[in-house]
């Protein structure tokens, strides 16, 4: 990594995750038991890194290869099971079962790392003092400015399917949309950007949200992501692993770039994409190696040979254990959140992907896609649009 130019700072993904079982959401850090989710709560939570009893870094033998065709029973068995649970209770109970109860970030005085930024929490702040100065207040402003993508319902049917919602199966795709949205936000508006209290909003901010709308007209919609990922096994109604998700983003970005005949790195996605995997198909593990020559070639191709370097997004699918995360990897995973280039981690447990954006002590702070919201359309010219459904509350 030492040879990478400083120009990659605003647009990288330092750590990925592993392959998951029966189309899962393993991306990098085991979130022991995670945040519960009510219909009105896009929550962030703290989860233990160390006491996890489940695996988000499953071995290949327990993983769903993105290129393998699974039987209908395997592909939809989990979906049917989840639906039975939901029909017999609330989405909140389902989330408590899958992710566990959440804990309060303010209950600790330890420093908080959020996507490369450190926040110091004083004892006074932790005790709930009304005269909060920095620490928790600054952390809250930063956290509430992150973009959240959740389950949506009521959008146009995906491709030739009858799916007008991604409830029960789209959490990995939504988590990946969050990560890519953060990359665009940092690139166009900078890491220090915070969502304005008053409208009108920044045009770049509105354009980013527009690109993630739930229709084929929005370049990074779930519709287009599924279409781009067909070769890797992506299909409406079934879960997908991290390697297939990464490759699907790579394919989608390349296709849109060729379609638009983009020059000099301008266009809907202003950076090259580099999938760093340990072996040829990325599902069997192996140590990922960043090859500077490959990165340079990708950047040169991105710029049509007119520049030697460009912004670059590194996506790193990892296998870090068999039945659960190997504890020796935890300190290194935590360390990635101190990188100024950090874009977080996609992870969770089978059937429940989340987007991990920070750490405090042995806890992970994450955004949860498992809230169901109506589909919305953010028009490009609407600088006073209601964007509340794209942010945590």
Protein backbone atom coordinates (compact mmCIF):
# COMPACT_ATOMS: atom_id res chain seq x y z
CA UNK A 1 0.00 0.00 0.00
CA UNK A 2 2.98 2.28 0.50
CA UNK A 3 3.29 3.04 -3.19
CA UNK A 4 -0.23 4.45 -3.57
CA UNK A 5 -0.24 8.19 -4.28
CA UNK A 6 -1.90 10.54 -1.83
CA UNK A 7 -4.55 11.37 -4.44
CA UNK A 8 -6.45 8.25 -3.45
CA UNK A 9 -7.33 9.72 -0.07
CA UNK A 10 -10.92 10.74 -0.76
CA UNK A 11 -12.11 7.63 -2.49
CA UNK A 12 -10.99 4.29 -1.15
CA UNK A 13 -12.39 1.21 0.51
CA UNK A 14 -9.76 -0.20 2.84
CA UNK A 15 -11.39 -3.42 3.90
CA UNK A 16 -14.03 -5.71 2.60
CA UNK A 17 -15.66 -8.87 3.78
CA UNK A 18 -15.97 -12.49 3.10
CA UNK A 19 -18.22 -14.76 1.19
CA UNK A 20 -21.46 -15.59 2.91
CA UNK A 21 -23.60 -18.65 3.16
CA UNK A 22 -26.76 -19.03 1.14
CA UNK A 23 -26.36 -15.62 -0.32
CA UNK A 24 -25.23 -13.62 2.59
CA UNK A 25 -23.88 -10.30 3.63
CA UNK A 26 -20.39 -10.95 4.92
CA UNK A 27 -18.15 -8.04 4.43
CA UNK A 28 -15.72 -7.38 7.07
CA UNK A 29 -16.38 -7.17 10.63
CA UNK A 30 -18.39 -9.48 12.77
CA UNK A 31 -21.13 -7.52 14.43
CA UNK A 32 -21.92 -9.68 17.36
CA UNK A 33 -25.47 -8.83 18.10
CA UNK A 34 -26.68 -5.74 16.36
CA UNK A 35 -29.14 -2.97 16.42
CA UNK A 36 -32.84 -3.52 16.57
CA UNK A 37 -34.95 -1.78 14.00
CA UNK A 38 -38.38 -0.25 14.27
CA UNK A 39 -40.25 1.10 11.29
CA UNK A 40 -39.34 4.62 12.33
CA UNK A 41 -35.71 3.99 13.22
CA UNK A 42 -32.78 3.94 10.82
CA UNK A 43 -30.50 3.16 13.71
CA UNK A 44 -26.83 3.07 14.28
CA UNK A 45 -25.64 0.77 16.99
CA UNK A 46 -22.75 -0.62 18.83
CA UNK A 47 -22.00 -4.32 18.66
CA UNK A 48 -19.28 -6.40 20.20
CA UNK A 49 -16.45 -7.43 17.90
CA UNK A 50 -15.30 -10.17 20.22
CA UNK A 51 -18.22 -12.15 21.57
CA UNK A 52 -19.82 -13.03 18.25
CA UNK A 53 -21.24 -16.52 18.02
CA UNK A 54 -21.99 -16.34 14.32
CA UNK A 55 -19.85 -15.91 11.25
CA UNK A 56 -19.84 -13.16 8.69
CA UNK A 57 -16.60 -14.51 7.28
CA UNK A 58 -17.80 -17.96 6.36
CA UNK A 59 -15.52 -20.44 4.66
CA UNK A 60 -15.97 -21.18 1.01
CA UNK A 61 -17.66 -24.47 1.76
CA UNK A 62 -20.39 -22.59 3.57
CA UNK A 63 -20.53 -19.74 1.09
CA UNK A 64 -22.75 -19.09 -1.87
CA UNK A 65 -20.52 -18.85 -4.90
CA UNK A 66 -21.76 -15.98 -7.00
CA UNK A 67 -21.47 -18.06 -10.15
CA UNK A 68 -23.18 -21.19 -8.91
CA UNK A 69 -26.82 -21.81 -9.66
CA UNK A 70 -28.68 -22.76 -6.53
CA UNK A 71 -31.88 -24.70 -6.48
CA UNK A 72 -35.12 -22.85 -5.86
CA UNK A 73 -35.33 -24.48 -2.48
CA UNK A 74 -31.93 -23.17 -1.46
CA UNK A 75 -32.35 -19.78 -3.07
CA UNK A 76 -35.74 -18.97 -1.62
CA UNK A 77 -35.75 -21.09 1.52
CA UNK A 78 -34.39 -18.31 3.70
CA UNK A 79 -36.81 -15.83 2.15
CA UNK A 80 -39.76 -18.04 2.99
CA UNK A 81 -38.48 -18.54 6.53
CA UNK A 82 -38.04 -14.83 7.10
CA UNK A 83 -41.48 -14.12 5.73
CA UNK A 84 -42.99 -16.61 8.17
CA UNK A 85 -41.20 -14.85 11.02
CA UNK A 86 -42.38 -11.44 9.85
CA UNK A 87 -45.95 -12.59 9.37
CA UNK A 88 -46.00 -13.89 12.92
CA UNK A 89 -44.50 -10.75 14.45
CA UNK A 90 -43.12 -7.31 13.72
CA UNK A 91 -40.11 -6.22 11.71
CA UNK A 92 -38.69 -4.97 14.97
CA UNK A 93 -38.78 -8.43 16.56
CA UNK A 94 -37.16 -9.86 13.45
CA UNK A 95 -34.35 -7.34 13.70
CA UNK A 96 -33.86 -8.03 17.39
CA UNK A 97 -33.62 -11.72 16.59
CA UNK A 98 -31.14 -11.23 13.76
CA UNK A 99 -29.01 -8.40 15.12
CA UNK A 100 -29.71 -8.28 18.82
CA UNK A 101 -30.22 -5.32 21.15
CA UNK A 102 -28.21 -2.18 20.60
CA UNK A 103 -26.17 -0.25 23.13
CA UNK A 104 -25.67 3.46 23.63
CA UNK A 105 -22.64 5.16 22.10
CA UNK A 106 -22.63 7.74 24.88
CA UNK A 107 -22.23 5.11 27.62
CA UNK A 108 -18.46 5.08 27.06
CA UNK A 109 -15.85 7.80 27.33
CA UNK A 110 -13.54 6.13 24.82
CA UNK A 111 -12.72 7.80 21.52
CA UNK A 112 -14.97 7.12 18.54
CA UNK A 113 -13.61 6.52 15.05
CA UNK A 114 -16.07 7.27 12.26
CA UNK A 115 -14.81 6.76 8.69
CA UNK A 116 -11.33 8.07 9.39
CA UNK A 117 -12.27 10.83 11.83
CA UNK A 118 -11.65 10.57 15.57
CA UNK A 119 -14.03 12.04 18.16
CA UNK A 120 -13.01 12.43 21.80
CA UNK A 121 -15.75 11.88 24.36
CA UNK A 122 -15.30 13.50 27.76
CA UNK A 123 -16.74 12.10 31.02
CA UNK A 124 -19.06 15.12 31.19
CA UNK A 125 -20.48 14.36 27.77
CA UNK A 126 -20.91 10.71 28.57
CA UNK A 127 -22.91 11.56 31.68
CA UNK A 128 -25.43 13.48 29.60
CA UNK A 129 -24.35 17.02 30.46
CA UNK A 130 -26.50 19.51 28.57
CA UNK A 131 -23.51 21.71 27.82
CA UNK A 132 -21.94 19.36 25.31
CA UNK A 133 -19.20 21.10 23.36
CA UNK A 134 -17.34 18.82 20.97
CA UNK A 135 -17.13 15.04 21.17
CA UNK A 136 -20.60 13.58 20.96
CA UNK A 137 -22.12 16.66 19.32
CA UNK A 138 -19.60 16.64 16.48
CA UNK A 139 -19.91 12.89 16.15
CA UNK A 140 -23.70 13.16 15.94
CA UNK A 141 -23.52 15.84 13.25
CA UNK A 142 -21.14 13.67 11.25
CA UNK A 143 -23.12 10.47 11.73
CA UNK A 144 -26.46 12.07 10.85
CA UNK A 145 -24.94 13.35 7.61
CA UNK A 146 -24.15 9.84 6.39
CA UNK A 147 -26.39 8.52 3.62
CA UNK A 148 -28.63 5.56 4.47
CA UNK A 149 -30.16 3.20 1.94
CA UNK A 150 -32.93 0.96 3.22
CA UNK A 151 -35.49 -1.49 1.92
CA UNK A 152 -37.97 0.28 -0.36
CA UNK A 153 -41.43 -0.71 -1.55
CA UNK A 154 -43.64 0.45 -4.36
CA UNK A 155 -41.06 0.98 -7.08
CA UNK A 156 -41.35 -0.21 -10.71
CA UNK A 157 -40.87 -3.94 -11.16
CA UNK A 158 -37.25 -5.05 -11.45
CA UNK A 159 -36.52 -6.28 -14.97
CA UNK A 160 -38.73 -9.18 -15.99
CA UNK A 161 -39.56 -10.05 -12.38
CA UNK A 162 -42.62 -9.04 -10.42
CA UNK A 163 -40.60 -7.62 -7.51
CA UNK A 164 -41.63 -4.08 -6.61
CA UNK A 165 -39.82 -4.21 -3.27
CA UNK A 166 -36.50 -5.57 -2.01
CA UNK A 167 -37.79 -6.39 1.48
CA UNK A 168 -36.27 -9.59 2.98
CA UNK A 169 -33.52 -9.98 0.36
CA UNK A 170 -31.94 -6.65 -0.66
CA UNK A 171 -29.93 -5.74 2.46
CA UNK A 172 -26.52 -6.53 0.95
CA UNK A 173 -27.29 -4.45 -2.13
CA UNK A 174 -28.54 -1.56 0.02
CA UNK A 175 -25.44 -1.76 2.23
CA UNK A 176 -23.24 -1.55 -0.85
CA UNK A 177 -25.22 1.44 -2.11
CA UNK A 178 -24.47 3.19 1.17
CA UNK A 179 -20.76 2.63 0.77
CA UNK A 180 -20.71 3.88 -2.82
CA UNK A 181 -22.88 6.88 -1.91
CA UNK A 182 -20.38 7.78 0.83
CA UNK A 183 -17.55 7.59 -1.72
CA UNK A 184 -19.38 10.01 -4.01
CA UNK A 185 -20.21 12.31 -1.12
CA UNK A 186 -16.59 12.48 0.01
CA UNK A 187 -15.34 12.97 -3.55
CA UNK A 188 -17.71 15.78 -4.54
CA UNK A 189 -18.28 17.54 -1.21
CA UNK A 190 -15.38 16.45 0.99
CA UNK A 191 -15.16 14.51 4.24
CA UNK A 192 -16.01 17.60 6.30
CA UNK A 193 -19.38 18.10 4.58
CA UNK A 194 -22.43 18.04 6.85
CA UNK A 195 -26.05 17.99 5.79
CA UNK A 196 -27.37 21.57 5.94
CA UNK A 197 -30.10 22.32 8.42
CA UNK A 198 -31.95 24.48 5.92
CA UNK A 199 -32.78 24.18 2.25
CA UNK A 200 -31.91 24.64 -0.56
CA UNK A 201 -29.36 21.81 -0.57
CA UNK A 202 -26.13 21.49 -2.51
CA UNK A 203 -26.72 20.48 -6.11
CA UNK A 204 -24.02 17.77 -5.86
CA UNK A 205 -25.78 16.28 -2.83
CA UNK A 206 -29.14 16.13 -4.63
CA UNK A 207 -27.51 14.63 -7.71
CA UNK A 208 -25.93 11.86 -5.61
CA UNK A 209 -29.28 10.90 -4.09
CA UNK A 210 -30.92 11.03 -7.52
CA UNK A 211 -28.42 8.47 -8.83
CA UNK A 212 -29.63 5.96 -6.21
CA UNK A 213 -33.34 6.25 -6.95
CA UNK A 214 -35.32 3.04 -7.39
CA UNK A 215 -35.83 2.99 -11.15
CA UNK A 216 -33.87 2.10 -14.26
CA UNK A 217 -33.47 5.83 -14.94
CA UNK A 218 -31.26 6.20 -11.84
CA UNK A 219 -27.77 5.02 -12.72
CA UNK A 220 -26.99 3.26 -9.43
CA UNK A 221 -30.45 1.91 -8.68
CA UNK A 222 -31.02 -1.60 -7.41
CA UNK A 223 -32.56 -2.31 -10.83
CA UNK A 224 -29.35 -1.49 -12.69
CA UNK A 225 -27.13 -3.16 -10.11
CA UNK A 226 -29.00 -6.44 -10.47
CA UNK A 227 -28.82 -6.20 -14.25
CA UNK A 228 -25.06 -5.60 -14.13
CA UNK A 229 -24.58 -8.53 -11.75
CA UNK A 230 -26.39 -11.22 -13.71
CA UNK A 231 -23.09 -12.86 -14.68
CA UNK A 232 -22.28 -13.15 -10.95
CA UNK A 233 -25.59 -14.66 -9.91
CA UNK A 234 -27.44 -11.53 -8.85
CA UNK A 235 -31.20 -11.88 -9.17
CA UNK A 236 -34.21 -10.18 -7.66
CA UNK A 237 -35.49 -12.14 -4.67
CA UNK A 238 -32.23 -13.80 -3.61
CA UNK A 239 -29.38 -12.81 -1.35
CA UNK A 240 -25.90 -12.24 -2.67
CA UNK A 241 -22.34 -12.39 -1.35
CA UNK A 242 -19.74 -9.62 -1.14
CA UNK A 243 -17.53 -10.74 -4.02
CA UNK A 244 -20.49 -10.83 -6.43
CA UNK A 245 -21.61 -7.43 -5.14
CA UNK A 246 -18.17 -5.89 -5.70
CA UNK A 247 -17.90 -7.31 -9.21
CA UNK A 248 -21.41 -6.09 -10.02
CA UNK A 249 -20.45 -2.54 -9.08
CA UNK A 250 -17.33 -2.82 -11.20
CA UNK A 251 -19.42 -4.01 -14.16
CA UNK A 252 -22.10 -1.35 -13.68
CA UNK A 253 -19.58 1.50 -13.49
CA UNK A 254 -17.75 0.26 -16.59
CA UNK A 255 -20.98 -0.16 -18.56
CA UNK A 256 -22.25 3.31 -17.72
CA UNK A 257 -18.89 4.81 -18.51
CA UNK A 258 -18.77 3.18 -21.94
CA UNK A 259 -22.38 4.13 -22.57
CA UNK A 260 -21.71 7.77 -21.83
CA UNK A 261 -18.38 7.80 -23.69
CA UNK A 262 -16.88 9.60 -20.72
CA UNK A 263 -13.59 11.44 -21.05
CA UNK A 264 -11.01 12.57 -18.47
CA UNK A 265 -12.77 10.93 -15.56
CA UNK A 266 -15.92 13.01 -15.70
CA UNK A 267 -19.27 11.32 -15.50
CA UNK A 268 -21.69 9.60 -13.14
CA UNK A 269 -18.90 7.77 -11.29
CA UNK A 270 -15.74 9.89 -11.08
CA UNK A 271 -13.26 7.21 -10.02
CA UNK A 272 -11.75 3.93 -11.10
CA UNK A 273 -12.85 0.72 -9.35
CA UNK A 274 -10.28 -1.88 -8.25
CA UNK A 275 -11.46 -5.21 -6.81
CA UNK A 276 -8.63 -6.59 -4.66
CA UNK A 277 -9.16 -10.33 -4.17
CA UNK A 278 -6.93 -13.16 -3.03
CA UNK A 279 -7.57 -15.57 -5.88
CA UNK A 280 -9.09 -15.72 -9.33
CA UNK A 281 -12.74 -15.92 -8.35
CA UNK A 282 -12.48 -14.12 -5.02
CA UNK A 283 -14.65 -16.60 -3.13
CA UNK A 284 -12.05 -19.04 -1.82
CA UNK A 285 -10.14 -16.63 0.35
CA UNK A 286 -6.45 -15.99 0.00
CA UNK A 287 -4.52 -12.89 0.95
CA UNK A 288 -5.55 -9.87 -1.13
CA UNK A 289 -2.64 -8.01 -2.67
CA UNK A 290 -2.81 -4.45 -3.96
CA UNK A 291 -0.75 -4.38 -7.16
CA UNK A 292 0.39 -0.83 -7.91
CA UNK A 293 0.84 -1.71 -11.58
CA UNK A 294 -2.79 -2.85 -11.82
CA UNK A 295 -4.02 0.23 -9.98
CA UNK A 296 -2.00 2.49 -12.28
CA UNK A 297 -3.37 0.74 -15.37
CA UNK A 298 -6.94 1.08 -14.14
CA UNK A 299 -6.44 4.77 -13.44
CA UNK A 300 -4.82 5.35 -16.82
CA UNK A 301 -7.68 3.55 -18.57
CA UNK A 302 -10.16 5.59 -16.56
CA UNK A 303 -8.53 8.79 -17.79
CA UNK A 304 -8.26 7.48 -21.36
CA UNK A 305 -4.50 7.66 -21.08
CA UNK A 306 -4.52 11.41 -20.45
CA UNK A 307 -3.35 11.14 -16.86
CA UNK A 308 -1.27 8.68 -14.85
CA UNK A 309 -3.55 8.63 -11.84
CA UNK A 310 -7.16 9.22 -10.86
CA UNK A 311 -9.37 8.78 -7.81
CA UNK A 312 -9.75 5.06 -7.16
CA UNK A 313 -12.17 2.98 -5.11
CA UNK A 314 -10.66 -0.16 -3.59
CA UNK A 315 -13.11 -2.95 -2.74
CA UNK A 316 -11.63 -5.87 -0.82
CA UNK A 317 -13.78 -9.01 -0.33
CA UNK A 318 -12.18 -11.04 2.47
CA UNK A 319 -12.48 -14.44 4.15
CA UNK A 320 -11.22 -14.01 7.70
CA UNK A 321 -12.31 -17.19 9.44
CA UNK A 322 -14.30 -20.40 9.22
CA UNK A 323 -17.20 -20.47 11.68
CA UNK A 324 -16.55 -16.93 12.93
CA UNK A 325 -14.06 -14.12 12.61
CA UNK A 326 -10.61 -15.09 13.80
CA UNK A 327 -9.94 -12.80 16.83
CA UNK A 328 -6.44 -12.01 15.64
CA UNK A 329 -7.92 -10.01 12.75
CA UNK A 330 -10.01 -7.75 14.98
CA UNK A 331 -7.30 -5.16 15.78
CA UNK A 332 -6.48 -4.84 12.08
CA UNK A 333 -10.14 -4.44 11.15
CA UNK A 334 -10.52 -1.75 13.79
CA UNK A 335 -7.46 0.02 12.46
CA UNK A 336 -9.01 0.47 9.01
CA UNK A 337 -11.47 2.97 10.49
CA UNK A 338 -8.56 5.25 11.38
CA UNK A 339 -7.54 5.55 7.71
CA UNK A 340 -8.53 8.94 6.25
CA UNK A 341 -9.49 7.00 3.10
CA UNK A 342 -11.87 4.71 4.99
CA UNK A 343 -15.29 4.03 3.48
CA UNK A 344 -16.26 1.41 6.03
CA UNK A 345 -17.16 -2.26 5.89
CA UNK A 346 -20.11 -4.29 4.70
CA UNK A 347 -20.89 -7.04 7.19
CA UNK A 348 -23.37 -8.66 9.52
CA UNK A 349 -24.58 -12.23 9.71
CA UNK A 350 -26.32 -14.58 7.26
CA UNK A 351 -29.45 -12.82 6.05
CA UNK A 352 -28.71 -9.48 7.72
CA UNK A 353 -26.13 -7.24 6.08
CA UNK A 354 -25.26 -3.87 7.57
CA UNK A 355 -22.91 -1.01 6.73
CA UNK A 356 -20.28 -0.57 9.44
CA UNK A 357 -19.00 3.00 9.62
CA UNK A 358 -17.13 3.24 12.90
CA UNK A 359 -15.82 1.73 16.12
CA UNK A 360 -15.65 2.50 19.80
CA UNK A 361 -13.79 0.15 22.12
CA UNK A 362 -14.83 -3.37 21.06
CA UNK A 363 -18.07 -2.17 19.48
CA UNK A 364 -18.97 -1.50 15.86
CA UNK A 365 -21.12 1.46 14.80
CA UNK A 366 -23.25 0.74 11.79
CA UNK A 367 -26.14 1.79 9.59
CA UNK A 368 -28.94 -0.72 9.13
CA UNK A 369 -30.79 -1.14 5.81
CA UNK A 370 -33.62 -3.25 7.25
CA UNK A 371 -36.24 -0.52 7.58
CA UNK A 372 -39.01 -0.59 4.97
CA UNK A 373 -39.78 2.80 3.39
CA UNK A 374 -41.80 3.89 0.36
CA UNK A 375 -39.82 4.44 -2.82
CA UNK A 376 -39.06 8.12 -3.47
CA UNK A 377 -37.85 10.01 -6.52
CA UNK A 378 -35.39 12.83 -5.90
CA UNK A 379 -35.49 15.03 -9.00
CA UNK A 380 -32.20 16.56 -10.15
CA UNK A 381 -33.54 20.10 -10.08
CA UNK A 382 -35.33 19.83 -6.73
CA UNK A 383 -32.90 21.45 -4.30
CA UNK A 384 -35.60 21.55 -1.64
CA UNK A 385 -36.48 17.86 -1.77
CA UNK A 386 -37.35 15.94 1.37
CA UNK A 387 -34.22 13.83 1.88
CA UNK A 388 -34.95 12.70 5.44
CA UNK A 389 -35.46 9.07 4.39
CA UNK A 390 -31.82 8.97 3.26
CA UNK A 391 -30.35 9.81 6.66
CA UNK A 392 -30.36 8.21 10.11
CA UNK A 393 -32.58 9.77 12.75
